[in-house]
Amino acid sequence: RYRRLKTEDSGGVLIDIPIHPELQAVIDACPDQAFTFLETAGGKSRSPNGLGNKMRKWCDEAGLPKCTSHGLRRAIARRLAEAGAPPHEIMAVTGHRTLAEVMRYTQDVSRPTLASGAITRLR
């Protein structure tokens, strides 16, 4: 559970996302100190901008100049759409407030995949 704050005055969107079982297995297998990236060197929680800046640095160091934390949001929206999730379910995960925002993120999903899913619904 977290509050997504795109702008300081928005009040944020409260997002409650269950942890996928495969992710939980990875988390359970990690040592406790594996998640210190969420904290500063002084042990305080990173600000949203601070985490985004650190992600940018880590992606650059890994030779992934086109990857961003924002790209992860777009990726989950697309993957959910391709898995057949309706827009409101996608909004619940991504924190988007309008259908138009979700449509912008998912407009380039695999049409053949979606078409196959749609046809299998006919009985």
C-alpha atoms as a PDB file:
ATOM      1  CA  ARG A   1       0.000   0.000   0.000  1.00  0.00           C
ATOM      2  CA  TYR A   2       1.337   3.398  -0.927  1.00  0.00           C
ATOM      3  CA  ARG A   3       0.152   6.855  -1.846  1.00  0.00           C
ATOM      4  CA  ARG A   4       1.136   7.888  -5.369  1.00  0.00           C
ATOM      5  CA  LEU A   5       1.962  11.586  -5.425  1.00  0.00           C
ATOM      6  CA  LYS A   6       2.488  12.980  -8.872  1.00  0.00           C
ATOM      7  CA  THR A   7       2.299  16.550  -7.666  1.00  0.00           C
ATOM      8  CA  GLU A   8       2.612  17.858  -4.124  1.00  0.00           C
ATOM      9  CA  ASP A   9      -0.856  19.454  -4.082  1.00  0.00           C
ATOM     10  CA  SER A  10      -2.747  16.451  -5.506  1.00  0.00           C
ATOM     11  CA  GLY A  11      -3.209  14.673  -2.192  1.00  0.00           C
ATOM     12  CA  GLY A  12      -2.151  11.538  -4.028  1.00  0.00           C
ATOM     13  CA  VAL A  13      -3.931   8.373  -4.990  1.00  0.00           C
ATOM     14  CA  LEU A  14      -3.932   5.558  -2.435  1.00  0.00           C
ATOM     15  CA  ILE A  15      -2.896   2.351  -4.165  1.00  0.00           C
ATOM     16  CA  ASP A  16      -3.312  -1.057  -2.603  1.00  0.00           C
ATOM     17  CA  ILE A  17      -1.636  -3.743  -4.723  1.00  0.00           C
ATOM     18  CA  PRO A  18      -1.433  -7.354  -3.610  1.00  0.00           C
ATOM     19  CA  ILE A  19       2.019  -8.901  -3.979  1.00  0.00           C
ATOM     20  CA  HIS A  20       2.154 -11.463  -6.783  1.00  0.00           C
ATOM     21  CA  PRO A  21       3.103 -14.930  -5.429  1.00  0.00           C
ATOM     22  CA  GLU A  22       6.241 -15.089  -7.620  1.00  0.00           C
ATOM     23  CA  LEU A  23       7.415 -11.717  -6.293  1.00  0.00           C
ATOM     24  CA  GLN A  24       6.676 -12.814  -2.719  1.00  0.00           C
ATOM     25  CA  ALA A  25       8.885 -15.879  -3.237  1.00  0.00           C
ATOM     26  CA  VAL A  26      11.754 -13.643  -4.408  1.00  0.00           C
ATOM     27  CA  ILE A  27      11.262 -11.256  -1.475  1.00  0.00           C
ATOM     28  CA  ASP A  28      11.189 -14.163   0.987  1.00  0.00           C
ATOM     29  CA  ALA A  29      14.465 -15.477  -0.436  1.00  0.00           C
ATOM     30  CA  CYS A  30      16.253 -12.114  -0.067  1.00  0.00           C
ATOM     31  CA  PRO A  31      18.276 -11.157   2.981  1.00  0.00           C
ATOM     32  CA  ASP A  32      16.755  -8.368   5.082  1.00  0.00           C
ATOM     33  CA  GLN A  33      19.281  -5.775   3.904  1.00  0.00           C
ATOM     34  CA  ALA A  34      18.336  -6.327   0.238  1.00  0.00           C
ATOM     35  CA  PHE A  35      15.739  -3.549   0.345  1.00  0.00           C
ATOM     36  CA  THR A  36      17.888  -0.761   1.709  1.00  0.00           C
ATOM     37  CA  PHE A  37      17.679   0.934  -1.716  1.00  0.00           C
ATOM     38  CA  LEU A  38      14.396   2.399  -0.468  1.00  0.00           C
ATOM     39  CA  GLU A  39      16.354   4.317   2.167  1.00  0.00           C
ATOM     40  CA  THR A  40      18.992   7.008   1.997  1.00  0.00           C
ATOM     41  CA  ALA A  41      22.489   6.393   3.343  1.00  0.00           C
ATOM     42  CA  GLY A  42      21.226   7.969   6.576  1.00  0.00           C
ATOM     43  CA  GLY A  43      18.443   5.376   6.915  1.00  0.00           C
ATOM     44  CA  LYS A  44      15.552   7.705   6.020  1.00  0.00           C
ATOM     45  CA  SER A  45      12.884   6.914   3.425  1.00  0.00           C
ATOM     46  CA  ARG A  46      13.667   8.319  -0.002  1.00  0.00           C
ATOM     47  CA  SER A  47      11.422  11.031  -1.351  1.00  0.00           C
ATOM     48  CA  PRO A  48       9.579  10.228  -4.606  1.00  0.00           C
ATOM     49  CA  ASN A  49      11.993  12.482  -6.509  1.00  0.00           C
ATOM     50  CA  GLY A  50      14.957  11.006  -4.678  1.00  0.00           C
ATOM     51  CA  LEU A  51      13.991   7.459  -5.612  1.00  0.00           C
ATOM     52  CA  GLY A  52      13.357   8.502  -9.223  1.00  0.00           C
ATOM     53  CA  ASN A  53      16.768  10.188  -9.421  1.00  0.00           C
ATOM     54  CA  LYS A  54      18.464   7.154  -7.905  1.00  0.00           C
ATOM     55  CA  MET A  55      16.654   4.854 -10.364  1.00  0.00           C
ATOM     56  CA  ARG A  56      17.905   7.051 -13.213  1.00  0.00           C
ATOM     57  CA  LYS A  57      21.469   6.736 -11.907  1.00  0.00           C
ATOM     58  CA  TRP A  58      21.206   2.957 -11.465  1.00  0.00           C
ATOM     59  CA  CYS A  59      19.742   2.485 -14.952  1.00  0.00           C
ATOM     60  CA  ASP A  60      22.545   4.571 -16.465  1.00  0.00           C
ATOM     61  CA  GLU A  61      25.172   2.594 -14.531  1.00  0.00           C
ATOM     62  CA  ALA A  62      23.600  -0.646 -15.792  1.00  0.00           C
ATOM     63  CA  GLY A  63      23.817   0.579 -19.390  1.00  0.00           C
ATOM     64  CA  LEU A  64      20.032   0.998 -19.662  1.00  0.00           C
ATOM     65  CA  PRO A  65      19.653   4.647 -20.691  1.00  0.00           C
ATOM     66  CA  LYS A  66      16.090   4.197 -21.966  1.00  0.00           C
ATOM     67  CA  CYS A  67      14.788   2.563 -18.770  1.00  0.00           C
ATOM     68  CA  THR A  68      13.073   4.649 -16.101  1.00  0.00           C
ATOM     69  CA  SER A  69      10.878   4.079 -13.081  1.00  0.00           C
ATOM     70  CA  HIS A  70       8.087   5.678 -15.120  1.00  0.00           C
ATOM     71  CA  GLY A  71       8.687   3.045 -17.783  1.00  0.00           C
ATOM     72  CA  LEU A  72       7.833   0.387 -15.200  1.00  0.00           C
ATOM     73  CA  ARG A  73       4.411   1.963 -14.755  1.00  0.00           C
ATOM     74  CA  ARG A  74       3.817   1.949 -18.487  1.00  0.00           C
ATOM     75  CA  ALA A  75       5.019  -1.653 -18.706  1.00  0.00           C
ATOM     76  CA  ILE A  76       2.642  -2.927 -16.022  1.00  0.00           C
ATOM     77  CA  ALA A  77      -0.273  -1.103 -17.668  1.00  0.00           C
ATOM     78  CA  ARG A  78       0.535  -2.739 -20.989  1.00  0.00           C
ATOM     79  CA  ARG A  79       1.066  -6.212 -19.491  1.00  0.00           C
ATOM     80  CA  LEU A  80      -2.209  -6.007 -17.596  1.00  0.00           C
ATOM     81  CA  ALA A  81      -4.058  -4.912 -20.747  1.00  0.00           C
ATOM     82  CA  GLU A  82      -2.547  -7.763 -22.743  1.00  0.00           C
ATOM     83  CA  ALA A  83      -3.578 -10.170 -19.969  1.00  0.00           C
ATOM     84  CA  GLY A  84      -7.167  -9.015 -20.434  1.00  0.00           C
ATOM     85  CA  ALA A  85      -7.477  -6.694 -17.432  1.00  0.00           C
ATOM     86  CA  PRO A  86     -10.205  -4.101 -17.924  1.00  0.00           C
ATOM     87  CA  PRO A  87      -9.214  -0.410 -17.705  1.00  0.00           C
ATOM     88  CA  HIS A  88     -10.582   0.066 -14.184  1.00  0.00           C
ATOM     89  CA  GLU A  89      -8.435  -2.792 -12.866  1.00  0.00           C
ATOM     90  CA  ILE A  90      -5.398  -1.269 -14.573  1.00  0.00           C
ATOM     91  CA  MET A  91      -6.235   2.090 -12.970  1.00  0.00           C
ATOM     92  CA  ALA A  92      -6.336   0.414  -9.547  1.00  0.00           C
ATOM     93  CA  VAL A  93      -2.754  -0.793 -10.021  1.00  0.00           C
ATOM     94  CA  THR A  94      -1.216   2.196 -11.790  1.00  0.00           C
ATOM     95  CA  GLY A  95      -2.974   4.963  -9.884  1.00  0.00           C
ATOM     96  CA  HIS A  96      -4.326   6.660 -12.993  1.00  0.00           C
ATOM     97  CA  ARG A  97      -7.387   8.779 -12.312  1.00  0.00           C
ATOM     98  CA  THR A  98      -8.977   8.774 -15.758  1.00  0.00           C
ATOM     99  CA  LEU A  99      -9.685   6.232 -18.466  1.00  0.00           C
ATOM    100  CA  ALA A 100      -8.007   8.551 -20.970  1.00  0.00           C
ATOM    101  CA  GLU A 101      -4.697   8.193 -19.127  1.00  0.00           C
ATOM    102  CA  VAL A 102      -4.941   4.408 -19.141  1.00  0.00           C
ATOM    103  CA  MET A 103      -5.889   4.391 -22.813  1.00  0.00           C
ATOM    104  CA  ARG A 104      -2.792   6.452 -23.640  1.00  0.00           C
ATOM    105  CA  TYR A 105      -0.609   3.880 -21.888  1.00  0.00           C
ATOM    106  CA  THR A 106      -2.298   0.847 -23.386  1.00  0.00           C
ATOM    107  CA  GLN A 107      -3.159   1.992 -26.912  1.00  0.00           C
ATOM    108  CA  ASP A 108      -0.188   0.130 -28.376  1.00  0.00           C
ATOM    109  CA  VAL A 109      -0.887  -3.248 -26.788  1.00  0.00           C
ATOM    110  CA  SER A 110      -0.717  -6.329 -28.946  1.00  0.00           C
ATOM    111  CA  ARG A 111      -3.928  -6.252 -30.951  1.00  0.00           C
ATOM    112  CA  PRO A 112      -3.577  -9.876 -32.087  1.00  0.00           C
ATOM    113  CA  THR A 113      -3.291 -10.973 -28.436  1.00  0.00           C
ATOM    114  CA  LEU A 114      -6.333  -8.936 -27.475  1.00  0.00           C
ATOM    115  CA  ALA A 115      -8.301 -10.147 -30.500  1.00  0.00           C
ATOM    116  CA  SER A 116      -7.619 -13.785 -29.586  1.00  0.00           C
ATOM    117  CA  GLY A 117      -8.751 -13.136 -26.038  1.00  0.00           C
ATOM    118  CA  ALA A 118     -11.884 -11.385 -27.209  1.00  0.00           C
ATOM    119  CA  ILE A 119     -12.902 -14.165 -29.590  1.00  0.00           C
ATOM    120  CA  THR A 120     -12.446 -16.842 -26.904  1.00  0.00           C
ATOM    121  CA  ARG A 121     -15.092 -15.037 -24.858  1.00  0.00           C
ATOM    122  CA  LEU A 122     -17.724 -15.901 -27.485  1.00  0.00           C
ATOM    123  CA  ARG A 123     -19.535 -19.137 -26.774  1.00  0.00           C
END
